[in-house]
Amino acid sequence: GASMFFICLFMHVGRGLYYGSYTFLETWNIGVVLLFTVMATAFVGYVLPWGQMSFWGAT
């Protein structure tokens, strides 16, 4: 599930690089912030468990 989601995200970024969408700086920067936010959420929720409770289980 999550692996396929990230593959789709990376393909989407690759498409933007291929077609030169990075020239639209505001749109590109918003996308980079969203990508880092998704990666940080996955990191906190999976890699940094608190005891046996993950980020999602504790909320």
N, C-alpha and C. Protein backbone atom coordinates (compact mmCIF):
# COMPACT_ATOMS: atom_id res chain seq x y z
N GLY A 1 0.81 -1.19 0.00
CA GLY A 1 0.00 0.00 0.00
C GLY A 1 0.85 1.26 0.00
N ALA A 2 1.62 1.43 1.08
CA ALA A 2 2.41 2.65 1.22
C ALA A 2 3.53 2.70 0.19
N SER A 3 4.11 1.54 -0.12
CA SER A 3 5.20 1.52 -1.11
C SER A 3 4.68 1.96 -2.48
N MET A 4 3.52 1.48 -2.86
CA MET A 4 2.93 1.88 -4.14
C MET A 4 2.60 3.36 -4.14
N PHE A 5 2.13 3.87 -3.00
CA PHE A 5 1.82 5.30 -2.88
C PHE A 5 3.08 6.13 -3.14
N PHE A 6 4.20 5.72 -2.53
CA PHE A 6 5.44 6.48 -2.72
C PHE A 6 5.99 6.31 -4.13
N ILE A 7 5.81 5.15 -4.73
CA ILE A 7 6.21 4.97 -6.12
C ILE A 7 5.44 5.94 -7.01
N CYS A 8 4.14 6.07 -6.75
CA CYS A 8 3.32 7.02 -7.52
C CYS A 8 3.79 8.46 -7.30
N LEU A 9 4.13 8.79 -6.04
CA LEU A 9 4.63 10.14 -5.76
C LEU A 9 5.92 10.41 -6.53
N PHE A 10 6.85 9.45 -6.50
CA PHE A 10 8.13 9.65 -7.18
C PHE A 10 7.95 9.71 -8.69
N MET A 11 7.01 8.94 -9.23
CA MET A 11 6.73 9.02 -10.66
C MET A 11 6.14 10.39 -11.02
N HIS A 12 5.31 10.92 -10.13
CA HIS A 12 4.71 12.23 -10.35
C HIS A 12 5.79 13.31 -10.35
N VAL A 13 6.73 13.22 -9.41
CA VAL A 13 7.85 14.17 -9.38
C VAL A 13 8.71 14.02 -10.63
N GLY A 14 8.97 12.78 -11.03
CA GLY A 14 9.75 12.54 -12.23
C GLY A 14 9.10 13.11 -13.47
N ARG A 15 7.79 12.99 -13.54
CA ARG A 15 7.07 13.57 -14.67
C ARG A 15 7.24 15.09 -14.69
N GLY A 16 7.17 15.70 -13.50
CA GLY A 16 7.38 17.15 -13.41
C GLY A 16 8.77 17.56 -13.83
N LEU A 17 9.77 16.75 -13.46
CA LEU A 17 11.14 17.04 -13.88
C LEU A 17 11.28 16.89 -15.39
N TYR A 18 10.69 15.84 -15.94
CA TYR A 18 10.80 15.58 -17.38
C TYR A 18 10.18 16.70 -18.21
N TYR A 19 9.00 17.17 -17.79
CA TYR A 19 8.29 18.19 -18.56
C TYR A 19 8.66 19.61 -18.16
N GLY A 20 9.59 19.78 -17.21
CA GLY A 20 10.06 21.12 -16.85
C GLY A 20 9.09 21.91 -16.00
N SER A 21 8.28 21.23 -15.21
CA SER A 21 7.31 21.94 -14.37
C SER A 21 7.98 22.72 -13.24
N TYR A 22 9.25 22.44 -12.98
CA TYR A 22 9.96 23.14 -11.91
C TYR A 22 10.16 24.62 -12.22
N THR A 23 9.85 25.05 -13.44
CA THR A 23 9.96 26.47 -13.76
C THR A 23 8.85 27.28 -13.08
N PHE A 24 7.75 26.62 -12.70
CA PHE A 24 6.69 27.28 -11.94
C PHE A 24 7.06 27.15 -10.46
N LEU A 25 7.86 28.11 -9.97
CA LEU A 25 8.50 27.95 -8.66
C LEU A 25 7.51 27.81 -7.52
N GLU A 26 6.47 28.62 -7.50
CA GLU A 26 5.52 28.56 -6.38
C GLU A 26 4.84 27.20 -6.32
N THR A 27 4.35 26.73 -7.44
CA THR A 27 3.69 25.42 -7.49
C THR A 27 4.66 24.31 -7.13
N TRP A 28 5.87 24.38 -7.67
CA TRP A 28 6.87 23.34 -7.40
C TRP A 28 7.23 23.30 -5.92
N ASN A 29 7.41 24.51 -5.30
CA ASN A 29 7.79 24.56 -3.88
C ASN A 29 6.68 24.02 -2.99
N ILE A 30 5.42 24.28 -3.34
CA ILE A 30 4.31 23.71 -2.58
C ILE A 30 4.34 22.19 -2.67
N GLY A 31 4.62 21.67 -3.85
CA GLY A 31 4.72 20.22 -4.02
C GLY A 31 5.86 19.62 -3.22
N VAL A 32 7.00 20.31 -3.16
CA VAL A 32 8.14 19.81 -2.38
C VAL A 32 7.79 19.80 -0.90
N VAL A 33 7.12 20.84 -0.42
CA VAL A 33 6.69 20.87 0.98
C VAL A 33 5.72 19.73 1.27
N LEU A 34 4.78 19.48 0.38
CA LEU A 34 3.84 18.37 0.57
C LEU A 34 4.57 17.03 0.57
N LEU A 35 5.53 16.85 -0.33
CA LEU A 35 6.30 15.60 -0.38
C LEU A 35 7.05 15.38 0.93
N PHE A 36 7.73 16.42 1.43
CA PHE A 36 8.46 16.28 2.69
C PHE A 36 7.53 16.03 3.86
N THR A 37 6.34 16.64 3.83
CA THR A 37 5.36 16.40 4.90
C THR A 37 4.89 14.95 4.89
N VAL A 38 4.63 14.41 3.71
CA VAL A 38 4.21 13.00 3.61
C VAL A 38 5.33 12.08 4.09
N MET A 39 6.57 12.39 3.71
CA MET A 39 7.70 11.56 4.13
C MET A 39 7.91 11.65 5.64
N ALA A 40 7.75 12.83 6.22
CA ALA A 40 7.91 12.99 7.67
C ALA A 40 6.80 12.26 8.42
N THR A 41 5.58 12.31 7.91
CA THR A 41 4.48 11.59 8.54
C THR A 41 4.72 10.09 8.52
N ALA A 42 5.19 9.58 7.39
CA ALA A 42 5.50 8.15 7.30
C ALA A 42 6.63 7.78 8.25
N PHE A 43 7.63 8.64 8.37
CA PHE A 43 8.76 8.38 9.27
C PHE A 43 8.30 8.33 10.72
N VAL A 44 7.51 9.32 11.13
CA VAL A 44 7.04 9.37 12.52
C VAL A 44 6.09 8.22 12.81
N GLY A 45 5.27 7.86 11.85
CA GLY A 45 4.27 6.83 12.09
C GLY A 45 4.80 5.42 12.03
N TYR A 46 5.93 5.20 11.37
CA TYR A 46 6.42 3.83 11.18
C TYR A 46 7.79 3.60 11.81
N VAL A 47 8.71 4.54 11.64
CA VAL A 47 10.09 4.33 12.07
C VAL A 47 10.28 4.69 13.53
N LEU A 48 9.48 5.59 14.06
CA LEU A 48 9.66 6.03 15.44
C LEU A 48 8.49 5.60 16.32
N PRO A 49 8.35 4.31 16.58
CA PRO A 49 7.25 3.89 17.46
C PRO A 49 7.55 4.28 18.90
N TRP A 50 6.50 4.51 19.67
CA TRP A 50 6.64 4.86 21.08
C TRP A 50 6.20 3.64 21.88
N GLY A 51 7.15 2.90 22.43
CA GLY A 51 6.82 1.62 23.03
C GLY A 51 6.36 0.68 21.94
N GLN A 52 5.18 0.15 22.10
CA GLN A 52 4.58 -0.68 21.06
C GLN A 52 3.50 0.08 20.29
N MET A 53 3.30 1.34 20.65
CA MET A 53 2.25 2.14 20.02
C MET A 53 2.86 3.00 18.92
N SER A 54 2.37 2.86 17.72
CA SER A 54 2.83 3.72 16.64
C SER A 54 2.13 5.07 16.75
N PHE A 55 2.53 5.99 15.89
CA PHE A 55 1.90 7.31 15.85
C PHE A 55 0.39 7.19 15.62
N TRP A 56 0.00 6.28 14.73
CA TRP A 56 -1.41 6.13 14.39
C TRP A 56 -2.17 5.44 15.51
N GLY A 57 -1.53 4.48 16.19
CA GLY A 57 -2.22 3.77 17.26
C GLY A 57 -2.43 4.62 18.49
N ALA A 58 -1.61 5.64 18.68
CA ALA A 58 -1.69 6.47 19.88
C ALA A 58 -2.73 7.57 19.75
N THR A 59 -3.21 7.83 18.55
CA THR A 59 -4.15 8.94 18.38
C THR A 59 -5.59 8.45 18.42
